[in-house]
Amino acid sequence: MPLFPRPKPRPMVIAAVPGWSPTLDLHDLTLVQAHAATLAHIQQAHARHQRKIIVITGRSGLIAKEFPTWIQLNPLVTKSAILNGGGAWKLWVKKKLG
């Protein structure tokens, strides 16, 4: 048994912001997990016709550094804006693919 038990992971989806879909929080995830969670969140928003989503990246670390590239390369994201001094992002998702 480890000396310091790992904290239970908190849910990635947290309270909704008015006018926006539930927020994805990438804290406590590895870079690979965060990338997969981001892709899945965007795809789910698109499938549910949710046009606006928020993703919390944190202000520093690899996730915050890599996140702009992930959204720039994602064909479902039409627009993005930094929130919270770079600790979170607003994303606009395409209504239809194509």
Protein backbone atom coordinates (compact mmCIF):
# COMPACT_ATOMS: atom_id res chain seq x y z
CA MET A 1 0.00 0.00 0.00
CA PRO A 2 1.42 3.42 -0.91
CA LEU A 3 2.30 5.83 1.86
CA PHE A 4 0.21 8.56 0.24
CA PRO A 5 -2.93 7.28 -1.46
CA ARG A 6 -3.76 8.90 -4.77
CA PRO A 7 -6.67 11.28 -4.57
CA LYS A 8 -9.84 10.14 -6.27
CA PRO A 9 -10.09 11.67 -9.73
CA ARG A 10 -12.69 14.37 -9.89
CA PRO A 11 -15.18 14.39 -12.74
CA MET A 12 -13.93 16.04 -15.92
CA VAL A 13 -17.25 17.70 -16.68
CA ILE A 14 -18.22 20.39 -14.18
CA ALA A 15 -21.00 22.95 -13.81
CA ALA A 16 -22.31 24.63 -16.92
CA VAL A 17 -21.76 28.30 -17.72
CA PRO A 18 -24.98 30.08 -18.79
CA GLY A 19 -25.29 29.91 -22.57
CA TRP A 20 -22.52 27.34 -22.85
CA SER A 21 -22.49 23.55 -22.66
CA PRO A 22 -20.94 21.74 -19.69
CA THR A 23 -17.28 22.55 -19.17
CA LEU A 24 -14.45 20.06 -19.67
CA ASP A 25 -11.73 20.31 -17.00
CA LEU A 26 -8.36 18.85 -18.03
CA HIS A 27 -6.64 19.25 -14.67
CA ASP A 28 -5.04 16.08 -13.27
CA LEU A 29 -4.94 14.38 -16.69
CA THR A 30 -1.88 13.28 -18.61
CA LEU A 31 -1.19 14.92 -21.96
CA VAL A 32 -2.50 11.86 -23.83
CA GLN A 33 -5.64 11.67 -21.66
CA ALA A 34 -6.27 15.41 -22.05
CA HIS A 35 -5.95 15.24 -25.84
CA ALA A 36 -8.35 12.28 -26.05
CA ALA A 37 -10.82 13.96 -23.67
CA THR A 38 -10.70 17.18 -25.71
CA LEU A 39 -11.37 15.35 -28.97
CA ALA A 40 -14.24 13.39 -27.41
CA HIS A 41 -15.78 16.52 -25.84
CA ILE A 42 -15.72 18.37 -29.16
CA GLN A 43 -17.19 15.39 -31.03
CA GLN A 44 -19.93 14.96 -28.41
CA ALA A 45 -20.79 18.66 -28.57
CA HIS A 46 -21.03 18.42 -32.36
CA ALA A 47 -23.25 15.31 -32.18
CA ARG A 48 -25.53 17.05 -29.65
CA HIS A 49 -25.64 20.27 -31.71
CA GLN A 50 -24.00 22.21 -28.90
CA ARG A 51 -22.34 25.15 -30.60
CA LYS A 52 -20.39 26.61 -27.64
CA ILE A 53 -18.17 24.73 -25.20
CA ILE A 54 -15.56 25.65 -22.60
CA VAL A 55 -12.39 23.70 -21.85
CA ILE A 56 -10.25 24.38 -18.76
CA THR A 57 -6.57 23.75 -19.45
CA GLY A 58 -4.83 25.50 -16.59
CA ARG A 59 -2.43 28.36 -17.18
CA SER A 60 0.81 26.42 -17.39
CA GLY A 61 2.12 22.99 -18.23
CA LEU A 62 2.16 20.82 -21.32
CA ILE A 63 -1.62 20.73 -21.74
CA ALA A 64 -1.86 24.53 -21.79
CA LYS A 65 1.03 24.67 -24.27
CA GLU A 66 -0.33 21.99 -26.64
CA PHE A 67 -4.04 22.83 -26.47
CA PRO A 68 -3.97 25.66 -29.08
CA THR A 69 -2.51 23.24 -31.63
CA TRP A 70 -5.17 20.62 -30.89
CA ILE A 71 -8.01 23.04 -31.55
CA GLN A 72 -6.33 24.65 -34.55
CA LEU A 73 -6.09 21.23 -36.22
CA ASN A 74 -9.64 20.15 -35.33
CA PRO A 75 -12.04 20.62 -38.27
CA LEU A 76 -15.06 20.83 -35.93
CA VAL A 77 -13.78 23.98 -34.16
CA THR A 78 -14.65 27.17 -36.03
CA LYS A 79 -13.46 29.75 -33.52
CA SER A 80 -11.69 29.93 -30.16
CA ALA A 81 -11.03 32.53 -27.48
CA ILE A 82 -8.87 32.50 -24.37
CA LEU A 83 -10.59 32.91 -21.00
CA ASN A 84 -9.28 33.35 -17.49
CA GLY A 85 -5.86 34.64 -18.52
CA GLY A 86 -5.20 31.53 -20.57
CA GLY A 87 -6.48 29.03 -18.02
CA ALA A 88 -9.58 28.20 -20.09
CA TRP A 89 -10.85 28.41 -23.65
CA LYS A 90 -14.19 29.11 -25.30
CA LEU A 91 -14.67 26.99 -28.41
CA TRP A 92 -17.30 27.33 -31.12
CA VAL A 93 -18.17 24.01 -32.74
CA LYS A 94 -19.47 23.60 -36.31
CA LYS A 95 -23.16 22.84 -36.64
CA LYS A 96 -22.60 20.58 -39.64
CA LEU A 97 -19.50 18.83 -40.89
CA GLY A 98 -18.51 19.81 -44.40
